[in-house]
Amino acid sequence: MPILGIMASSMQGAVGDYESIATANGTGSSGTITFSSIPATYKHLQIRYIGRNSATGATLATLRMRINGYTSTYPLHRLSGNGSTVAAYGSTAEVYIQDIASMSTNLAAASIYGAGIIDILDYADTNKYKTVRSLSGTDLNGSGEIYLGSGLYQQTTAISSMTLEANGVNWLTNSTFALYGIKG
């Protein structure tokens, strides 16, 4: 139990502990959102988003993340559920933090977007690898999914840029991604 208490308290913050660093919106013509020149002045980072992409093959999709342009492998885990089915996946050989969070696609009803929070822990600490974790979901008006994901950036280099990709399609115009710094 103490481990959970430590983890929970390390990400809790009082009013004023979260500072906006940058916000980016989908354009409808690009599947990439990049946050760059991230200052190394915070303890953790957090991305909050509402998202929808232009895919038409299914109503649900995922986003993937690349850190500092790193193209080697990322270990990851994910768990999802839709009310009747649970799925789990793990890998040590992905070239992205693949499928880190959930969202809707252009096949879903027009007003439906996925939403989520992605935490990047100890992003500026040059003595350890960086953990990425997410909680996201999409309600498709009676169906949908909840999604938990995690990944590991196996470098001690401070994170100065992150790219969020729509898996080969485009972010729709009302998709919004906000990057926050969390004071330590």
Protein backbone atom coordinates (compact mmCIF):
# COMPACT_ATOMS: atom_id res chain seq x y z
CA MET A 1 0.00 0.00 0.00
CA PRO A 2 2.75 2.59 0.71
CA ILE A 3 4.02 2.25 -2.86
CA LEU A 4 0.62 3.26 -4.19
CA GLY A 5 0.50 6.17 -1.76
CA ILE A 6 3.88 7.41 -2.97
CA MET A 7 2.90 7.08 -6.62
CA ALA A 8 -0.41 8.82 -6.13
CA SER A 9 1.05 11.68 -4.14
CA SER A 10 3.83 12.25 -6.67
CA MET A 11 1.29 13.22 -9.34
CA GLN A 12 -1.21 15.09 -7.18
CA GLY A 13 -0.94 18.80 -7.32
CA ALA A 14 -2.45 21.83 -5.76
CA VAL A 15 -3.97 24.64 -7.75
CA GLY A 16 -1.09 26.36 -9.49
CA ASP A 17 1.14 23.27 -9.69
CA TYR A 18 0.17 22.70 -13.33
CA GLU A 19 1.49 25.23 -15.84
CA SER A 20 0.46 25.35 -19.47
CA ILE A 21 3.46 24.88 -21.78
CA ALA A 22 1.80 24.56 -25.20
CA THR A 23 -1.44 23.71 -26.98
CA ALA A 24 -1.85 22.25 -30.46
CA ASN A 25 -4.92 21.56 -32.58
CA GLY A 26 -5.62 19.14 -35.38
CA THR A 27 -5.70 20.70 -38.84
CA GLY A 28 -7.52 18.00 -40.79
CA SER A 29 -4.53 17.72 -43.13
CA SER A 30 -1.80 16.39 -40.81
CA GLY A 31 -1.52 13.35 -38.58
CA THR A 32 1.28 14.74 -36.46
CA ILE A 33 1.27 16.93 -33.35
CA THR A 34 4.74 17.87 -32.07
CA PHE A 35 5.68 19.56 -28.83
CA SER A 36 9.30 20.74 -29.04
CA SER A 37 11.70 22.89 -27.01
CA ILE A 38 10.13 21.55 -23.82
CA PRO A 39 11.81 23.31 -20.87
CA ALA A 40 13.50 21.05 -18.28
CA THR A 41 12.08 23.06 -15.36
CA TYR A 42 9.29 20.76 -14.13
CA LYS A 43 9.13 17.45 -12.28
CA HIS A 44 6.66 15.75 -14.67
CA LEU A 45 4.74 16.48 -17.86
CA GLN A 46 1.10 15.87 -18.67
CA ILE A 47 -0.76 15.87 -21.99
CA ARG A 48 -4.53 16.32 -21.88
CA TYR A 49 -6.41 15.76 -25.09
CA ILE A 50 -9.69 15.34 -26.87
CA GLY A 51 -9.10 13.65 -30.19
CA ARG A 52 -10.60 12.23 -33.31
CA ASN A 53 -8.83 11.11 -36.47
CA SER A 54 -9.83 10.70 -40.10
CA ALA A 55 -9.78 6.88 -40.23
CA THR A 56 -12.90 5.26 -41.68
CA GLY A 57 -12.27 1.54 -41.06
CA ALA A 58 -13.51 1.46 -37.43
CA THR A 59 -15.09 3.78 -34.86
CA LEU A 60 -12.16 3.53 -32.42
CA ALA A 61 -8.48 4.23 -32.98
CA THR A 62 -5.33 4.87 -30.98
CA LEU A 63 -2.53 7.38 -30.99
CA ARG A 64 1.18 6.66 -30.84
CA MET A 65 4.04 8.66 -29.35
CA ARG A 66 7.67 9.17 -30.26
CA ILE A 67 10.06 10.89 -27.83
CA ASN A 68 13.05 13.05 -28.91
CA GLY A 69 12.81 11.51 -32.40
CA TYR A 70 13.97 8.19 -30.91
CA THR A 71 13.56 5.40 -33.48
CA SER A 72 14.81 2.36 -31.57
CA THR A 73 12.50 0.15 -29.52
CA TYR A 74 10.09 1.10 -26.74
CA PRO A 75 8.65 -1.44 -24.29
CA LEU A 76 4.92 -0.98 -23.72
CA HIS A 77 1.79 -2.42 -22.12
CA ARG A 78 -1.86 -1.70 -22.65
CA LEU A 79 -5.18 -2.87 -21.27
CA SER A 80 -8.57 -2.04 -22.73
CA GLY A 81 -12.17 -2.93 -22.03
CA ASN A 82 -15.52 -2.20 -23.65
CA GLY A 83 -18.02 -3.51 -21.10
CA SER A 84 -17.99 -7.09 -22.38
CA THR A 85 -14.44 -7.79 -23.57
CA VAL A 86 -11.06 -7.12 -22.02
CA ALA A 87 -7.85 -7.12 -24.05
CA ALA A 88 -4.22 -6.89 -22.96
CA TYR A 89 -1.01 -6.48 -24.92
CA GLY A 90 2.67 -6.09 -24.17
CA SER A 91 5.75 -5.71 -26.32
CA THR A 92 9.43 -4.85 -26.00
CA ALA A 93 10.05 -4.08 -29.67
CA GLU A 94 7.87 -1.20 -30.89
CA VAL A 95 9.35 1.77 -32.80
CA TYR A 96 6.81 4.07 -31.12
CA ILE A 97 5.05 3.99 -27.82
CA GLN A 98 2.37 2.35 -29.90
CA ASP A 99 -1.32 2.68 -29.11
CA ILE A 100 -0.71 4.66 -25.92
CA ALA A 101 -4.24 6.12 -25.82
CA SER A 102 -7.71 5.80 -27.35
CA MET A 103 -9.89 8.07 -29.47
CA SER A 104 -12.73 8.02 -31.98
CA THR A 105 -12.50 8.12 -35.76
CA ASN A 106 -14.40 9.77 -38.58
CA LEU A 107 -16.65 6.69 -38.74
CA ALA A 108 -18.14 7.54 -35.32
CA ALA A 109 -20.98 10.06 -34.99
CA ALA A 110 -19.78 13.62 -35.67
CA SER A 111 -19.85 14.86 -32.08
CA ILE A 112 -17.94 11.95 -30.53
CA TYR A 113 -14.31 12.42 -29.49
CA GLY A 114 -12.00 10.37 -27.30
CA ALA A 115 -10.40 12.00 -24.28
CA GLY A 116 -7.39 11.18 -22.20
CA ILE A 117 -4.48 12.12 -19.99
CA ILE A 118 -0.90 11.05 -20.66
CA ASP A 119 1.65 11.47 -17.86
CA ILE A 120 5.40 11.57 -18.55
CA LEU A 121 7.18 10.98 -15.25
CA ASP A 122 10.56 12.48 -14.33
CA TYR A 123 11.03 13.62 -17.94
CA ALA A 124 14.08 15.82 -17.21
CA ASP A 125 15.90 13.43 -14.85
CA THR A 126 19.14 12.39 -16.59
CA ASN A 127 19.77 9.54 -14.14
CA LYS A 128 16.91 7.25 -15.19
CA TYR A 129 14.66 6.03 -17.98
CA LYS A 130 11.29 7.79 -18.42
CA THR A 131 7.88 6.21 -17.82
CA VAL A 132 4.82 7.22 -19.85
CA ARG A 133 1.33 6.22 -18.65
CA SER A 134 -2.12 7.01 -19.92
CA LEU A 135 -5.79 6.78 -19.08
CA SER A 136 -8.19 7.42 -21.93
CA GLY A 137 -11.54 6.44 -23.32
CA THR A 138 -14.22 7.00 -25.88
CA ASP A 139 -17.99 6.78 -25.36
CA LEU A 140 -19.75 5.88 -28.59
CA ASN A 141 -23.22 6.60 -27.23
CA GLY A 142 -23.70 3.29 -25.46
CA SER A 143 -20.54 1.49 -26.50
CA GLY A 144 -16.88 2.49 -26.59
CA GLU A 145 -13.84 1.64 -24.52
CA ILE A 146 -11.64 2.54 -21.59
CA TYR A 147 -7.92 2.31 -22.15
CA LEU A 148 -4.85 2.10 -19.92
CA GLY A 149 -1.41 2.29 -21.47
CA SER A 150 2.22 2.56 -20.45
CA GLY A 151 5.54 2.83 -22.21
CA LEU A 152 9.19 3.30 -21.39
CA TYR A 153 11.67 5.67 -23.01
CA GLN A 154 14.89 3.74 -22.38
CA GLN A 155 17.22 6.73 -22.46
CA THR A 156 18.56 8.94 -19.68
CA THR A 157 18.43 11.99 -21.95
CA ALA A 158 15.93 14.64 -20.81
CA ILE A 159 12.80 14.76 -22.95
CA SER A 160 12.75 17.94 -25.04
CA SER A 161 10.27 16.91 -27.76
CA MET A 162 7.33 14.57 -28.22
CA THR A 163 5.37 13.70 -31.33
CA LEU A 164 1.81 12.33 -31.22
CA GLU A 165 0.74 10.56 -34.40
CA ALA A 166 -2.65 9.50 -35.69
CA ASN A 167 -1.38 6.16 -37.07
CA GLY A 168 -1.18 7.12 -40.73
CA VAL A 169 -4.29 9.30 -40.94
CA ASN A 170 -5.00 12.94 -39.99
CA TRP A 171 -6.11 14.65 -36.78
CA LEU A 172 -9.50 16.29 -37.31
CA THR A 173 -9.80 20.02 -36.70
CA ASN A 174 -11.51 19.92 -33.30
CA SER A 175 -8.82 17.67 -31.81
CA THR A 176 -6.92 19.53 -29.08
CA PHE A 177 -3.72 18.57 -27.28
CA ALA A 178 -2.46 20.55 -24.27
CA LEU A 179 0.97 20.04 -22.69
CA TYR A 180 1.39 20.93 -19.00
CA GLY A 181 4.41 21.03 -16.72
CA ILE A 182 3.90 19.78 -13.18
CA LYS A 183 6.01 21.45 -10.51
CA GLY A 184 7.97 19.17 -8.18
